[in-house]
N, C-alpha and C. Protein backbone atom coordinates (compact mmCIF):
# COMPACT_ATOMS: atom_id res chain seq x y z
N MET A 1 154.83 75.53 122.85
CA MET A 1 155.54 74.26 122.80
C MET A 1 154.53 73.17 123.12
N VAL A 2 154.03 72.50 122.09
CA VAL A 2 152.91 71.57 122.27
C VAL A 2 153.38 70.13 122.13
N GLY A 3 153.16 69.34 123.18
CA GLY A 3 153.47 67.93 123.14
C GLY A 3 152.44 67.18 122.32
N THR A 4 152.92 66.30 121.43
CA THR A 4 152.02 65.51 120.58
C THR A 4 152.36 64.02 120.75
N PRO A 5 151.50 63.13 120.27
CA PRO A 5 151.72 61.69 120.47
C PRO A 5 153.04 61.18 119.88
N ILE A 6 153.60 60.14 120.51
CA ILE A 6 154.81 59.51 119.98
C ILE A 6 154.45 58.33 119.10
N GLY A 7 153.19 57.98 119.06
CA GLY A 7 152.75 56.85 118.23
C GLY A 7 151.23 56.84 118.14
N ASN A 8 150.59 56.38 119.19
CA ASN A 8 149.13 56.32 119.24
C ASN A 8 148.54 57.73 119.25
N LEU A 9 147.76 58.05 118.23
CA LEU A 9 147.22 59.40 118.10
C LEU A 9 146.22 59.76 119.19
N GLY A 10 145.81 58.77 119.98
CA GLY A 10 144.90 59.07 121.09
C GLY A 10 145.60 59.70 122.28
N ASP A 11 146.93 59.65 122.26
CA ASP A 11 147.70 60.18 123.38
C ASP A 11 147.98 61.68 123.24
N ILE A 12 146.93 62.47 123.22
CA ILE A 12 147.08 63.93 123.14
C ILE A 12 146.09 64.56 124.10
N THR A 13 146.49 65.67 124.71
CA THR A 13 145.63 66.29 125.70
C THR A 13 144.61 67.21 125.05
N LEU A 14 143.53 67.47 125.78
CA LEU A 14 142.51 68.39 125.29
C LEU A 14 143.09 69.79 125.11
N ARG A 15 143.97 70.18 126.03
CA ARG A 15 144.59 71.51 125.94
C ARG A 15 145.45 71.62 124.68
N ALA A 16 146.19 70.56 124.37
CA ALA A 16 147.02 70.58 123.17
C ALA A 16 146.16 70.78 121.92
N LEU A 17 145.05 70.07 121.85
CA LEU A 17 144.16 70.22 120.69
C LEU A 17 143.60 71.63 120.59
N GLU A 18 143.22 72.18 121.74
CA GLU A 18 142.69 73.55 121.74
C GLU A 18 143.72 74.54 121.22
N ILE A 19 144.96 74.42 121.69
CA ILE A 19 146.02 75.34 121.26
C ILE A 19 146.29 75.21 119.77
N LEU A 20 146.39 73.98 119.28
CA LEU A 20 146.70 73.77 117.86
C LEU A 20 145.60 74.34 116.95
N LYS A 21 144.38 74.39 117.45
CA LYS A 21 143.29 74.95 116.67
C LYS A 21 143.20 76.47 116.80
N GLU A 22 143.69 77.02 117.91
CA GLU A 22 143.54 78.46 118.17
C GLU A 22 144.66 79.31 117.58
N VAL A 23 145.89 78.78 117.53
CA VAL A 23 147.00 79.60 117.05
C VAL A 23 146.86 79.87 115.55
N GLU A 24 147.65 80.84 115.07
CA GLU A 24 147.60 81.20 113.65
C GLU A 24 148.48 80.31 112.78
N VAL A 25 149.57 79.83 113.36
CA VAL A 25 150.51 78.99 112.60
C VAL A 25 151.07 77.91 113.52
N VAL A 26 151.27 76.72 112.96
CA VAL A 26 151.93 75.64 113.70
C VAL A 26 153.23 75.31 112.98
N LEU A 27 154.33 75.43 113.70
CA LEU A 27 155.64 75.06 113.17
C LEU A 27 155.84 73.56 113.37
N CYS A 28 156.23 72.85 112.31
CA CYS A 28 156.35 71.39 112.36
C CYS A 28 157.71 70.95 111.81
N GLU A 29 158.27 69.93 112.41
CA GLU A 29 159.49 69.34 111.84
C GLU A 29 159.19 68.79 110.45
N ASP A 30 158.07 68.11 110.30
CA ASP A 30 157.67 67.54 109.01
C ASP A 30 156.17 67.76 108.86
N THR A 31 155.80 68.63 107.94
CA THR A 31 154.38 68.96 107.78
C THR A 31 153.56 67.76 107.32
N ARG A 32 154.19 66.82 106.62
CA ARG A 32 153.47 65.64 106.14
C ARG A 32 153.13 64.71 107.30
N ARG A 33 154.07 64.55 108.24
CA ARG A 33 153.79 63.71 109.40
C ARG A 33 152.72 64.35 110.28
N ALA A 34 152.76 65.67 110.38
CA ALA A 34 151.76 66.38 111.19
C ALA A 34 150.37 66.24 110.60
N GLN A 35 150.29 66.04 109.29
CA GLN A 35 149.00 65.95 108.61
C GLN A 35 148.14 64.82 109.18
N LYS A 36 148.77 63.71 109.59
CA LYS A 36 148.01 62.60 110.14
C LYS A 36 147.27 63.01 111.41
N LEU A 37 147.98 63.74 112.27
CA LEU A 37 147.37 64.22 113.52
C LEU A 37 146.30 65.25 113.22
N PHE A 38 146.61 66.17 112.33
CA PHE A 38 145.66 67.24 112.00
C PHE A 38 144.39 66.67 111.38
N HIS A 39 144.53 65.68 110.52
CA HIS A 39 143.36 65.07 109.89
C HIS A 39 142.50 64.36 110.92
N ARG A 40 143.15 63.66 111.85
CA ARG A 40 142.42 62.89 112.87
C ARG A 40 141.54 63.80 113.71
N TYR A 41 142.04 65.01 114.03
CA TYR A 41 141.31 65.90 114.93
C TYR A 41 140.77 67.15 114.24
N SER A 42 140.66 67.10 112.93
CA SER A 42 140.06 68.19 112.14
C SER A 42 140.69 69.54 112.47
N ILE A 43 142.01 69.58 112.46
CA ILE A 43 142.75 70.82 112.70
C ILE A 43 143.14 71.41 111.34
N ASP A 44 142.71 72.63 111.07
CA ASP A 44 143.00 73.23 109.76
C ASP A 44 143.97 74.41 109.86
N THR A 45 144.66 74.55 110.98
CA THR A 45 145.64 75.62 111.16
C THR A 45 146.79 75.44 110.17
N PRO A 46 147.23 76.51 109.51
CA PRO A 46 148.36 76.39 108.57
C PRO A 46 149.60 75.82 109.24
N ARG A 47 150.30 74.97 108.51
CA ARG A 47 151.53 74.35 109.01
C ARG A 47 152.72 74.89 108.22
N VAL A 48 153.81 75.15 108.94
CA VAL A 48 155.04 75.64 108.32
C VAL A 48 156.20 74.76 108.75
N SER A 49 157.04 74.38 107.81
CA SER A 49 158.18 73.52 108.11
C SER A 49 159.21 74.26 108.97
N PHE A 50 159.66 73.59 110.04
CA PHE A 50 160.69 74.16 110.92
C PHE A 50 161.51 72.99 111.46
N HIS A 51 162.74 72.84 110.94
CA HIS A 51 163.57 71.69 111.31
C HIS A 51 165.03 72.12 111.44
N ASP A 52 165.90 71.15 111.71
CA ASP A 52 167.31 71.45 111.98
C ASP A 52 168.00 72.15 110.82
N PHE A 53 167.53 71.91 109.61
CA PHE A 53 168.22 72.46 108.45
C PHE A 53 167.75 73.86 108.05
N ASN A 54 166.65 74.33 108.63
CA ASN A 54 166.19 75.68 108.28
C ASN A 54 165.90 76.56 109.49
N LYS A 55 166.18 76.04 110.71
CA LYS A 55 165.81 76.76 111.93
C LYS A 55 166.48 78.12 112.03
N GLU A 56 167.76 78.22 111.67
CA GLU A 56 168.46 79.50 111.78
C GLU A 56 167.95 80.49 110.74
N GLN A 57 167.57 80.00 109.61
CA GLN A 57 167.04 80.87 108.55
C GLN A 57 165.64 81.39 108.90
N LYS A 58 164.80 80.53 109.46
CA LYS A 58 163.39 80.89 109.67
C LYS A 58 163.12 81.57 111.01
N THR A 59 163.96 81.33 112.00
CA THR A 59 163.68 81.86 113.34
C THR A 59 163.51 83.38 113.39
N PRO A 60 164.37 84.18 112.77
CA PRO A 60 164.19 85.64 112.86
C PRO A 60 162.81 86.10 112.37
N ALA A 61 162.35 85.55 111.26
CA ALA A 61 161.04 85.96 110.73
C ALA A 61 159.91 85.52 111.65
N VAL A 62 160.04 84.33 112.23
CA VAL A 62 159.02 83.83 113.15
C VAL A 62 158.93 84.73 114.38
N LEU A 63 160.08 85.07 114.95
CA LEU A 63 160.09 85.92 116.15
C LEU A 63 159.55 87.31 115.85
N LYS A 64 159.86 87.83 114.68
CA LYS A 64 159.36 89.15 114.30
C LYS A 64 157.83 89.15 114.24
N LYS A 65 157.26 88.10 113.66
CA LYS A 65 155.80 88.02 113.55
C LYS A 65 155.16 87.85 114.92
N ILE A 66 155.82 87.11 115.80
CA ILE A 66 155.28 86.95 117.15
C ILE A 66 155.30 88.29 117.89
N GLU A 67 156.37 89.04 117.72
CA GLU A 67 156.46 90.36 118.35
C GLU A 67 155.40 91.31 117.81
N GLU A 68 154.96 91.06 116.58
CA GLU A 68 153.91 91.89 115.97
C GLU A 68 152.51 91.43 116.36
N GLY A 69 152.44 90.33 117.13
CA GLY A 69 151.14 89.89 117.64
C GLY A 69 150.66 88.54 117.14
N ALA A 70 151.40 87.90 116.26
CA ALA A 70 150.98 86.60 115.74
C ALA A 70 151.16 85.52 116.81
N THR A 71 150.36 84.47 116.72
CA THR A 71 150.45 83.36 117.67
C THR A 71 150.95 82.11 116.94
N TYR A 72 151.96 81.49 117.52
CA TYR A 72 152.58 80.30 116.92
C TYR A 72 152.58 79.16 117.94
N ALA A 73 152.47 77.94 117.42
CA ALA A 73 152.72 76.74 118.22
C ALA A 73 153.84 75.97 117.54
N LEU A 74 154.61 75.26 118.34
CA LEU A 74 155.69 74.42 117.82
C LEU A 74 155.44 72.98 118.22
N ILE A 75 155.51 72.07 117.24
CA ILE A 75 155.42 70.64 117.54
C ILE A 75 156.61 69.94 116.90
N SER A 76 156.98 68.81 117.45
CA SER A 76 158.05 68.01 116.87
C SER A 76 157.41 66.88 116.07
N ASP A 77 158.23 66.03 115.48
CA ASP A 77 157.69 64.88 114.75
C ASP A 77 156.88 63.99 115.68
N ALA A 78 157.33 63.90 116.93
CA ALA A 78 156.62 63.08 117.92
C ALA A 78 157.09 63.47 119.31
N GLY A 79 156.16 63.51 120.23
CA GLY A 79 156.52 63.79 121.62
C GLY A 79 156.58 65.26 121.96
N THR A 80 157.38 65.57 122.97
CA THR A 80 157.48 66.93 123.49
C THR A 80 158.58 67.69 122.75
N PRO A 81 158.27 68.83 122.13
CA PRO A 81 159.30 69.58 121.39
C PRO A 81 160.36 70.14 122.32
N GLY A 82 161.57 70.27 121.78
CA GLY A 82 162.68 70.77 122.56
C GLY A 82 163.61 69.67 123.04
N ILE A 83 163.20 68.40 122.86
CA ILE A 83 164.01 67.25 123.26
C ILE A 83 164.62 66.64 122.00
N SER A 84 165.92 66.82 121.80
CA SER A 84 166.61 66.28 120.62
C SER A 84 165.96 66.73 119.32
N ASP A 85 165.55 67.99 119.26
CA ASP A 85 164.99 68.55 118.03
C ASP A 85 165.26 70.06 118.02
N PRO A 86 164.87 70.77 116.96
CA PRO A 86 165.21 72.21 116.85
C PRO A 86 164.46 73.12 117.80
N GLY A 87 163.58 72.59 118.61
CA GLY A 87 162.80 73.42 119.52
C GLY A 87 163.66 74.21 120.48
N PHE A 88 164.77 73.61 120.95
CA PHE A 88 165.64 74.30 121.90
C PHE A 88 166.18 75.59 121.30
N TYR A 89 166.58 75.55 120.05
CA TYR A 89 167.14 76.75 119.40
C TYR A 89 166.10 77.87 119.35
N LEU A 90 164.87 77.53 118.99
CA LEU A 90 163.82 78.54 118.90
C LEU A 90 163.52 79.14 120.27
N VAL A 91 163.46 78.31 121.29
CA VAL A 91 163.19 78.80 122.65
C VAL A 91 164.29 79.75 123.10
N LYS A 92 165.53 79.34 122.87
CA LYS A 92 166.67 80.17 123.28
C LYS A 92 166.62 81.54 122.63
N GLU A 93 166.32 81.58 121.33
CA GLU A 93 166.26 82.85 120.61
C GLU A 93 165.04 83.67 121.01
N ALA A 94 163.93 82.99 121.29
CA ALA A 94 162.72 83.71 121.71
C ALA A 94 162.91 84.38 123.06
N LEU A 95 163.60 83.71 123.96
CA LEU A 95 163.83 84.29 125.28
C LEU A 95 164.74 85.52 125.20
N LYS A 96 165.63 85.56 124.23
CA LYS A 96 166.47 86.75 124.04
C LYS A 96 165.62 87.96 123.67
N CYS A 97 164.47 87.68 123.06
CA CYS A 97 163.55 88.75 122.65
C CYS A 97 162.43 88.97 123.67
N SER A 98 162.57 88.35 124.84
CA SER A 98 161.57 88.46 125.92
C SER A 98 160.19 87.97 125.49
N ILE A 99 160.17 86.96 124.65
CA ILE A 99 158.91 86.34 124.20
C ILE A 99 158.55 85.22 125.18
N ASP A 100 157.31 85.19 125.59
CA ASP A 100 156.86 84.17 126.53
C ASP A 100 156.85 82.78 125.88
N ILE A 101 157.32 81.80 126.62
CA ILE A 101 157.28 80.41 126.19
C ILE A 101 156.25 79.68 127.03
N VAL A 102 155.27 79.09 126.39
CA VAL A 102 154.21 78.39 127.12
C VAL A 102 154.30 76.89 126.82
N PRO A 103 154.72 76.07 127.81
CA PRO A 103 154.82 74.63 127.57
C PRO A 103 153.47 73.93 127.74
N ILE A 104 153.09 73.15 126.76
CA ILE A 104 151.87 72.34 126.84
C ILE A 104 152.33 70.89 126.99
N PRO A 105 152.25 70.31 128.19
CA PRO A 105 152.83 68.99 128.45
C PRO A 105 152.24 67.91 127.55
N GLY A 106 153.08 66.91 127.27
CA GLY A 106 152.65 65.80 126.44
C GLY A 106 153.58 64.62 126.57
N PRO A 107 153.42 63.61 125.72
CA PRO A 107 154.24 62.40 125.80
C PRO A 107 155.72 62.66 125.55
N SER A 108 156.54 61.76 126.05
CA SER A 108 157.99 61.79 125.82
C SER A 108 158.45 60.34 125.70
N ALA A 109 159.15 60.01 124.63
CA ALA A 109 159.55 58.62 124.39
C ALA A 109 160.44 58.08 125.49
N PHE A 110 161.41 58.90 125.94
CA PHE A 110 162.35 58.34 126.92
C PHE A 110 161.70 58.13 128.28
N LEU A 111 160.76 58.97 128.68
CA LEU A 111 160.07 58.76 129.95
C LEU A 111 159.10 57.58 129.86
N THR A 112 158.45 57.44 128.71
CA THR A 112 157.55 56.31 128.50
C THR A 112 158.32 55.00 128.61
N ALA A 113 159.51 54.97 127.99
CA ALA A 113 160.35 53.77 128.05
C ALA A 113 160.87 53.53 129.46
N LEU A 114 161.28 54.58 130.14
CA LEU A 114 161.87 54.44 131.47
C LEU A 114 160.93 53.79 132.46
N VAL A 115 159.69 54.25 132.51
CA VAL A 115 158.77 53.75 133.54
C VAL A 115 158.38 52.29 133.30
N ALA A 116 158.58 51.80 132.08
CA ALA A 116 158.25 50.40 131.78
C ALA A 116 159.48 49.51 131.67
N SER A 117 160.65 50.09 131.85
CA SER A 117 161.90 49.37 131.61
C SER A 117 162.25 48.36 132.69
N GLY A 118 161.84 48.63 133.92
CA GLY A 118 162.25 47.80 135.04
C GLY A 118 163.57 48.26 135.64
N LEU A 119 164.18 49.28 135.06
CA LEU A 119 165.40 49.85 135.60
C LEU A 119 165.06 50.97 136.58
N ALA A 120 166.04 51.36 137.38
CA ALA A 120 165.79 52.37 138.42
C ALA A 120 165.30 53.69 137.82
N THR A 121 164.27 54.25 138.42
CA THR A 121 163.70 55.51 137.95
C THR A 121 163.97 56.67 138.91
N ASP A 122 164.59 56.38 140.05
CA ASP A 122 164.80 57.43 141.04
C ASP A 122 165.84 58.45 140.58
N ARG A 123 166.86 57.98 139.85
CA ARG A 123 167.88 58.87 139.31
C ARG A 123 168.25 58.38 137.91
N PHE A 124 168.24 59.28 136.94
CA PHE A 124 168.58 58.88 135.58
C PHE A 124 169.16 60.06 134.83
N THR A 125 169.85 59.76 133.72
CA THR A 125 170.38 60.81 132.86
C THR A 125 169.98 60.51 131.42
N PHE A 126 169.49 61.53 130.74
CA PHE A 126 169.10 61.39 129.34
C PHE A 126 170.18 62.00 128.47
N GLU A 127 170.76 61.19 127.57
CA GLU A 127 171.89 61.62 126.75
C GLU A 127 171.52 61.88 125.30
N GLY A 128 170.27 61.66 124.92
CA GLY A 128 169.86 61.89 123.54
C GLY A 128 170.61 60.99 122.58
N PHE A 129 170.93 61.52 121.38
CA PHE A 129 171.69 60.76 120.39
C PHE A 129 173.18 60.93 120.64
N LEU A 130 173.91 59.84 120.70
CA LEU A 130 175.35 59.90 120.84
C LEU A 130 176.00 60.19 119.49
N PRO A 131 177.29 60.60 119.47
CA PRO A 131 177.97 60.88 118.21
C PRO A 131 177.94 59.67 117.27
N ARG A 132 177.91 59.94 115.98
CA ARG A 132 177.84 58.86 114.99
C ARG A 132 179.15 58.09 114.88
N LYS A 133 180.28 58.78 115.03
CA LYS A 133 181.57 58.13 114.89
C LYS A 133 181.92 57.39 116.17
N SER A 134 182.43 56.15 116.00
CA SER A 134 182.69 55.28 117.14
C SER A 134 183.65 55.89 118.16
N GLY A 135 184.70 56.57 117.69
CA GLY A 135 185.68 57.14 118.61
C GLY A 135 185.05 58.13 119.57
N LYS A 136 184.29 59.06 119.04
CA LYS A 136 183.64 60.07 119.88
C LYS A 136 182.53 59.44 120.73
N ARG A 137 181.86 58.45 120.16
CA ARG A 137 180.81 57.76 120.91
C ARG A 137 181.40 57.04 122.13
N LYS A 138 182.53 56.40 121.95
CA LYS A 138 183.19 55.72 123.06
C LYS A 138 183.66 56.71 124.12
N GLN A 139 184.07 57.88 123.70
CA GLN A 139 184.48 58.90 124.67
C GLN A 139 183.31 59.29 125.57
N ARG A 140 182.13 59.46 124.98
CA ARG A 140 180.96 59.81 125.79
C ARG A 140 180.58 58.65 126.72
N LEU A 141 180.67 57.44 126.21
CA LEU A 141 180.35 56.28 127.04
C LEU A 141 181.34 56.14 128.19
N GLU A 142 182.59 56.41 127.91
CA GLU A 142 183.62 56.34 128.96
C GLU A 142 183.32 57.34 130.06
N ALA A 143 182.86 58.54 129.68
CA ALA A 143 182.53 59.56 130.67
C ALA A 143 181.34 59.14 131.54
N LEU A 144 180.52 58.22 131.03
CA LEU A 144 179.34 57.77 131.76
C LEU A 144 179.55 56.43 132.46
N ARG A 145 180.69 55.82 132.28
CA ARG A 145 180.93 54.45 132.74
C ARG A 145 180.72 54.26 134.24
N GLU A 146 181.12 55.24 135.04
CA GLU A 146 181.01 55.11 136.50
C GLU A 146 179.72 55.72 137.05
N ASP A 147 178.88 56.24 136.17
CA ASP A 147 177.64 56.90 136.61
C ASP A 147 176.68 55.85 137.18
N SER A 148 176.15 56.11 138.37
CA SER A 148 175.25 55.15 139.03
C SER A 148 173.80 55.29 138.57
N ARG A 149 173.51 56.32 137.82
CA ARG A 149 172.13 56.55 137.36
C ARG A 149 171.79 55.66 136.17
N THR A 150 170.50 55.42 135.94
CA THR A 150 170.06 54.79 134.71
C THR A 150 170.39 55.74 133.56
N ILE A 151 170.96 55.19 132.48
CA ILE A 151 171.43 56.02 131.37
C ILE A 151 170.55 55.76 130.15
N ILE A 152 170.06 56.83 129.53
CA ILE A 152 169.09 56.71 128.44
C ILE A 152 169.61 57.37 127.18
N PHE A 153 169.50 56.64 126.06
CA PHE A 153 169.91 57.16 124.75
C PHE A 153 168.76 57.02 123.75
N TYR A 154 168.82 57.82 122.70
CA TYR A 154 168.02 57.58 121.50
C TYR A 154 168.97 57.01 120.45
N GLU A 155 168.46 56.13 119.60
CA GLU A 155 169.30 55.61 118.51
C GLU A 155 168.43 55.19 117.33
N SER A 156 169.01 55.23 116.15
CA SER A 156 168.31 54.82 114.93
C SER A 156 168.58 53.34 114.66
N PRO A 157 167.71 52.67 113.90
CA PRO A 157 167.86 51.23 113.67
C PRO A 157 169.19 50.84 113.02
N HIS A 158 169.68 51.65 112.08
CA HIS A 158 170.89 51.25 111.36
C HIS A 158 172.17 51.49 112.16
N ARG A 159 172.06 52.14 113.34
CA ARG A 159 173.25 52.35 114.17
C ARG A 159 173.19 51.62 115.51
N ILE A 160 172.07 50.95 115.78
CA ILE A 160 171.88 50.37 117.11
C ILE A 160 172.93 49.29 117.41
N GLU A 161 173.27 48.45 116.43
CA GLU A 161 174.24 47.39 116.68
C GLU A 161 175.62 47.97 117.02
N LYS A 162 176.01 49.03 116.32
CA LYS A 162 177.30 49.66 116.60
C LYS A 162 177.31 50.26 118.00
N LEU A 163 176.21 50.87 118.39
CA LEU A 163 176.12 51.44 119.74
C LEU A 163 176.27 50.35 120.79
N LEU A 164 175.57 49.25 120.62
CA LEU A 164 175.61 48.18 121.61
C LEU A 164 177.01 47.57 121.71
N ARG A 165 177.70 47.46 120.60
CA ARG A 165 179.07 46.92 120.63
C ARG A 165 180.00 47.86 121.41
N ASP A 166 179.81 49.15 121.21
CA ASP A 166 180.63 50.12 121.95
C ASP A 166 180.28 50.10 123.43
N VAL A 167 179.00 49.95 123.75
CA VAL A 167 178.58 49.85 125.16
C VAL A 167 179.24 48.65 125.81
N LEU A 168 179.21 47.51 125.14
CA LEU A 168 179.80 46.28 125.68
C LEU A 168 181.30 46.45 125.91
N ALA A 169 181.97 47.12 124.95
CA ALA A 169 183.42 47.29 125.05
C ALA A 169 183.82 48.27 126.15
N VAL A 170 183.05 49.32 126.32
CA VAL A 170 183.43 50.38 127.25
C VAL A 170 182.81 50.20 128.64
N MET A 171 181.55 49.78 128.69
CA MET A 171 180.82 49.77 129.96
C MET A 171 180.57 48.38 130.51
N GLY A 172 180.90 47.35 129.74
CA GLY A 172 180.69 45.99 130.20
C GLY A 172 179.31 45.46 129.85
N ASP A 173 179.05 44.23 130.28
CA ASP A 173 177.80 43.55 129.93
C ASP A 173 176.70 43.90 130.92
N ARG A 174 176.00 44.96 130.66
CA ARG A 174 175.01 45.49 131.61
C ARG A 174 173.58 45.05 131.29
N ASP A 175 172.75 45.10 132.32
CA ASP A 175 171.31 44.96 132.09
C ASP A 175 170.85 46.19 131.31
N LEU A 176 169.96 45.96 130.34
CA LEU A 176 169.44 47.08 129.58
C LEU A 176 168.02 46.81 129.14
N CYS A 177 167.42 47.83 128.57
CA CYS A 177 166.10 47.70 127.97
C CYS A 177 166.13 48.44 126.64
N LEU A 178 165.70 47.76 125.60
CA LEU A 178 165.56 48.39 124.28
C LEU A 178 164.07 48.55 124.01
N ALA A 179 163.63 49.78 123.81
CA ALA A 179 162.21 50.06 123.57
C ALA A 179 162.04 50.60 122.15
N ARG A 180 161.09 50.02 121.44
CA ARG A 180 160.84 50.46 120.06
C ARG A 180 159.34 50.46 119.78
N GLU A 181 158.94 51.28 118.80
CA GLU A 181 157.54 51.37 118.39
C GLU A 181 156.62 51.64 119.58
N LEU A 182 157.06 52.50 120.50
CA LEU A 182 156.29 52.77 121.71
C LEU A 182 154.91 53.32 121.40
N THR A 183 153.92 52.81 122.05
CA THR A 183 152.49 53.14 121.96
C THR A 183 151.86 52.72 120.64
N LYS A 184 152.63 52.06 119.77
CA LYS A 184 152.10 51.61 118.48
C LYS A 184 151.70 50.13 118.56
N ILE A 185 151.16 49.61 117.46
CA ILE A 185 150.67 48.23 117.43
C ILE A 185 151.78 47.24 117.77
N TYR A 186 152.97 47.48 117.22
CA TYR A 186 154.07 46.52 117.42
C TYR A 186 155.05 46.98 118.49
N GLU A 187 154.54 47.65 119.52
CA GLU A 187 155.37 48.08 120.64
C GLU A 187 156.15 46.90 121.21
N GLU A 188 157.42 47.14 121.49
CA GLU A 188 158.28 46.07 122.00
C GLU A 188 159.29 46.64 122.98
N LEU A 189 159.42 45.99 124.14
CA LEU A 189 160.44 46.33 125.12
C LEU A 189 161.22 45.07 125.43
N LEU A 190 162.49 45.07 125.09
CA LEU A 190 163.37 43.92 125.30
C LEU A 190 164.25 44.19 126.51
N ARG A 191 164.17 43.32 127.51
CA ARG A 191 164.94 43.49 128.75
C ARG A 191 165.91 42.32 128.87
N CYS A 192 167.20 42.61 128.80
CA CYS A 192 168.21 41.55 128.84
C CYS A 192 169.60 42.16 129.05
N LYS A 193 170.64 41.34 128.92
CA LYS A 193 172.01 41.82 128.96
C LYS A 193 172.40 42.37 127.59
N THR A 194 173.39 43.24 127.57
CA THR A 194 173.86 43.81 126.31
C THR A 194 174.31 42.72 125.35
N SER A 195 175.06 41.75 125.83
CA SER A 195 175.57 40.68 124.97
C SER A 195 174.44 39.84 124.39
N GLU A 196 173.41 39.59 125.21
CA GLU A 196 172.27 38.79 124.73
C GLU A 196 171.53 39.52 123.62
N LEU A 197 171.34 40.82 123.78
CA LEU A 197 170.64 41.58 122.75
C LEU A 197 171.44 41.59 121.45
N LEU A 198 172.75 41.72 121.55
CA LEU A 198 173.58 41.67 120.35
C LEU A 198 173.44 40.33 119.63
N LYS A 199 173.42 39.23 120.37
CA LYS A 199 173.26 37.92 119.76
C LYS A 199 171.91 37.81 119.07
N ARG A 200 170.87 38.34 119.69
CA ARG A 200 169.53 38.28 119.10
C ARG A 200 169.45 39.11 117.83
N ILE A 201 170.16 40.24 117.81
CA ILE A 201 170.19 41.07 116.60
C ILE A 201 170.95 40.34 115.49
N GLU A 202 172.08 39.71 115.84
CA GLU A 202 172.87 38.97 114.85
C GLU A 202 172.08 37.81 114.26
N CYS A 203 171.19 37.22 115.05
CA CYS A 203 170.37 36.10 114.58
C CYS A 203 169.04 36.55 113.99
N ASN A 204 168.92 37.85 113.76
CA ASN A 204 167.70 38.43 113.17
C ASN A 204 166.45 38.12 113.98
N GLN A 205 166.59 38.10 115.31
CA GLN A 205 165.46 37.86 116.19
C GLN A 205 164.83 39.16 116.69
N VAL A 206 165.42 40.29 116.30
CA VAL A 206 164.90 41.60 116.71
C VAL A 206 164.62 42.42 115.46
N LYS A 207 163.43 42.99 115.37
CA LYS A 207 163.09 43.83 114.24
C LYS A 207 163.70 45.22 114.44
N LEU A 208 164.62 45.57 113.56
CA LEU A 208 165.27 46.87 113.67
C LEU A 208 164.49 47.88 112.84
N LYS A 209 163.46 48.41 113.45
CA LYS A 209 162.58 49.35 112.76
C LYS A 209 162.10 50.41 113.73
N GLY A 210 162.09 51.66 113.30
CA GLY A 210 161.60 52.75 114.12
C GLY A 210 162.66 53.27 115.08
N GLU A 211 162.49 54.53 115.49
CA GLU A 211 163.43 55.11 116.45
C GLU A 211 163.40 54.33 117.75
N MET A 212 164.59 54.14 118.33
CA MET A 212 164.71 53.29 119.50
C MET A 212 165.17 54.07 120.73
N VAL A 213 164.75 53.59 121.89
CA VAL A 213 165.23 54.12 123.16
C VAL A 213 166.03 53.01 123.83
N VAL A 214 167.27 53.33 124.19
CA VAL A 214 168.14 52.36 124.87
C VAL A 214 168.35 52.84 126.30
N LEU A 215 168.06 51.96 127.26
CA LEU A 215 168.21 52.29 128.67
C LEU A 215 169.19 51.32 129.29
N LEU A 216 170.23 51.85 129.93
CA LEU A 216 171.27 51.03 130.55
C LEU A 216 171.22 51.13 132.07
N ASN A 217 171.43 50.01 132.71
CA ASN A 217 171.53 50.03 134.17
C ASN A 217 172.79 50.81 134.56
N GLY A 218 172.68 51.66 135.56
CA GLY A 218 173.83 52.43 136.01
C GLY A 218 174.84 51.56 136.75
N ASN A 219 176.01 52.12 137.00
CA ASN A 219 177.04 51.42 137.76
C ASN A 219 176.67 51.47 139.23
N ARG A 220 175.94 50.47 139.68
CA ARG A 220 175.41 50.45 141.04
C ARG A 220 176.45 50.05 142.08
N GLY A 221 177.69 49.83 141.62
CA GLY A 221 178.72 49.47 142.57
C GLY A 221 179.33 50.68 143.26
N LEU A 222 178.92 51.91 142.84
CA LEU A 222 179.49 53.13 143.43
C LEU A 222 178.99 53.31 144.86
């Protein structure tokens, strides 16, 4: 399980590079995206596609080859594999076969955003992607409404406005931080109230591009 950069290709450890060059196969969510990293560091290890739509089909064959002595590494599109990606499924199945899992630490978008957000870091909860449908999304937000911890979500650009409207309706007008393009040239962290961010989006003052991290202040009145 090899952590890779979330943006800036310089954010990779020496150990990660060594592993990616030593193993026989690297499983990738998107082999084309991985090519940029591989080209930068002259990694010629074969890449095999492994994502949410083929993980159940490919996992048995991968585990069989590992049991026969093959060495595999798993990377996600960006960051540490196993967080909101198919890595969890592979790990769970590998452990059933008593296969060793070796974590190679690396960047994580939500932790990168958290430490720069200005929100409390002593206690937090990571919720990943919320349901796409508003009804189910509001149910999850309602369950988190009284939580005193900093609350962290991932969201896509075309759904961010809907998420913020549901947050405002269910959780009130909270302090938040929206982080986008982390570690890249156009990195941006917006710190404001939920209502203010919605107004800025409506006025086209925020570029809705790239995967986003949304961090909400917890209910500190508990």
